[in-house]
Each structure stands twice: as C-alpha cells, then as structure tokens.
C-alpha cells in the first residue's frame, strides 16, 4: 500500500499565499479581507508587547 500524496488526492500544487476576492481559486492560505487584516494587526501588536515585556524584564533583572 503506497502513501497518499497531494497528487493522488487531486489537489493542485499551485497554492497561493493571499487570495483576492475576484479570484475563484480554492487553494490559498490567507484571504484578503477585513477579518484577516484585523487579526494580523492584533497578532503583530501582541508580538510587539511580548518583545517589549521581555526587554523590560531583562533590563530590571
């Protein structure tokens, strides 16, 4: 019994990173919409806060 690959499952190899609204493809990682932009902004701010917290604790300890 051979293992399943993407080719065996019928998936295309052309996965896009960001999907535009007018592009009808199903193979994408992120969709270009308001929710994705807000979520990425939230994650970016959270990472900045964590980096700042590590920097502050390294200064005082």
C-alpha atoms as a PDB file:
ATOM      1  CA  UNK A   1       0.000   0.000   0.000  1.00  0.00           C
ATOM      2  CA  UNK A   2       1.580   3.271  -1.078  1.00  0.00           C
ATOM      3  CA  UNK A   3       1.157   6.543   0.846  1.00  0.00           C
ATOM      4  CA  UNK A   4      -1.252   9.219  -0.338  1.00  0.00           C
ATOM      5  CA  UNK A   5       0.306  12.308  -1.838  1.00  0.00           C
ATOM      6  CA  UNK A   6      -1.257  15.599  -2.863  1.00  0.00           C
ATOM      7  CA  UNK A   7      -1.232  14.436  -6.457  1.00  0.00           C
ATOM      8  CA  UNK A   8      -3.123  11.271  -5.520  1.00  0.00           C
ATOM      9  CA  UNK A   9      -5.724  13.262  -3.611  1.00  0.00           C
ATOM     10  CA  UNK A  10      -6.438  15.533  -6.568  1.00  0.00           C
ATOM     11  CA  UNK A  11      -5.106  18.768  -5.046  1.00  0.00           C
ATOM     12  CA  UNK A  12      -3.368  21.310  -7.245  1.00  0.00           C
ATOM     13  CA  UNK A  13       0.221  22.148  -6.472  1.00  0.00           C
ATOM     14  CA  UNK A  14      -0.350  25.888  -7.064  1.00  0.00           C
ATOM     15  CA  UNK A  15      -1.255  27.213  -3.617  1.00  0.00           C
ATOM     16  CA  UNK A  16      -1.489  30.995  -3.406  1.00  0.00           C
ATOM     17  CA  UNK A  17      -0.436  32.898  -0.308  1.00  0.00           C
ATOM     18  CA  UNK A  18      -3.141  35.600  -0.497  1.00  0.00           C
ATOM     19  CA  UNK A  19      -6.471  35.211  -2.297  1.00  0.00           C
ATOM     20  CA  UNK A  20      -8.164  38.193  -3.913  1.00  0.00           C
ATOM     21  CA  UNK A  21     -11.956  38.443  -3.881  1.00  0.00           C
ATOM     22  CA  UNK A  22     -12.271  38.245  -7.667  1.00  0.00           C
ATOM     23  CA  UNK A  23     -10.054  35.153  -7.935  1.00  0.00           C
ATOM     24  CA  UNK A  24     -12.199  31.971  -7.706  1.00  0.00           C
ATOM     25  CA  UNK A  25      -9.391  29.641  -6.562  1.00  0.00           C
ATOM     26  CA  UNK A  26      -9.775  27.389  -3.530  1.00  0.00           C
ATOM     27  CA  UNK A  27      -6.054  26.879  -2.874  1.00  0.00           C
ATOM     28  CA  UNK A  28      -4.979  29.780  -0.674  1.00  0.00           C
ATOM     29  CA  UNK A  29      -3.567  30.423   2.778  1.00  0.00           C
ATOM     30  CA  UNK A  30      -4.946  33.896   3.575  1.00  0.00           C
ATOM     31  CA  UNK A  31      -7.961  35.672   2.170  1.00  0.00           C
ATOM     32  CA  UNK A  32      -7.632  39.394   1.541  1.00  0.00           C
ATOM     33  CA  UNK A  33     -10.472  40.754   3.666  1.00  0.00           C
ATOM     34  CA  UNK A  34     -11.172  42.814   6.782  1.00  0.00           C
ATOM     35  CA  UNK A  35     -11.018  39.889   9.235  1.00  0.00           C
ATOM     36  CA  UNK A  36      -7.563  38.809   8.066  1.00  0.00           C
ATOM     37  CA  UNK A  37      -6.226  42.363   8.284  1.00  0.00           C
ATOM     38  CA  UNK A  38      -7.583  42.880  11.804  1.00  0.00           C
ATOM     39  CA  UNK A  39      -6.311  39.523  13.007  1.00  0.00           C
ATOM     40  CA  UNK A  40      -2.831  40.092  11.592  1.00  0.00           C
ATOM     41  CA  UNK A  41      -2.734  43.551  13.219  1.00  0.00           C
ATOM     42  CA  UNK A  42      -3.762  42.015  16.569  1.00  0.00           C
ATOM     43  CA  UNK A  43      -1.056  39.344  16.323  1.00  0.00           C
ATOM     44  CA  UNK A  44       1.561  41.942  15.358  1.00  0.00           C
ATOM     45  CA  UNK A  45       0.667  44.174  18.337  1.00  0.00           C
ATOM     46  CA  UNK A  46       0.672  41.177  20.676  1.00  0.00           C
ATOM     47  CA  UNK A  47       4.144  40.172  19.473  1.00  0.00           C
ATOM     48  CA  UNK A  48       5.417  43.714  19.985  1.00  0.00           C
ATOM     49  CA  UNK A  49       4.048  43.722  23.530  1.00  0.00           C
ATOM     50  CA  UNK A  50       5.709  40.396  24.286  1.00  0.00           C
ATOM     51  CA  UNK A  51       9.034  41.567  22.887  1.00  0.00           C
ATOM     52  CA  UNK A  52       8.777  44.757  24.941  1.00  0.00           C
ATOM     53  CA  UNK A  53       7.960  42.741  28.085  1.00  0.00           C
ATOM     54  CA  UNK A  54      10.999  40.525  27.579  1.00  0.00           C
ATOM     55  CA  UNK A  55      13.199  43.578  27.012  1.00  0.00           C
ATOM     56  CA  UNK A  56      11.901  45.299  30.168  1.00  0.00           C
ATOM     57  CA  UNK A  57      12.370  42.211  32.333  1.00  0.00           C
ATOM     58  CA  UNK A  58      15.899  41.727  31.022  1.00  0.00           C
ATOM     59  CA  UNK A  59      16.748  45.315  31.985  1.00  0.00           C
ATOM     60  CA  UNK A  60      15.414  45.063  35.543  1.00  0.00           C
ATOM     61  CA  UNK A  61      16.577  41.518  36.346  1.00  0.00           C
END
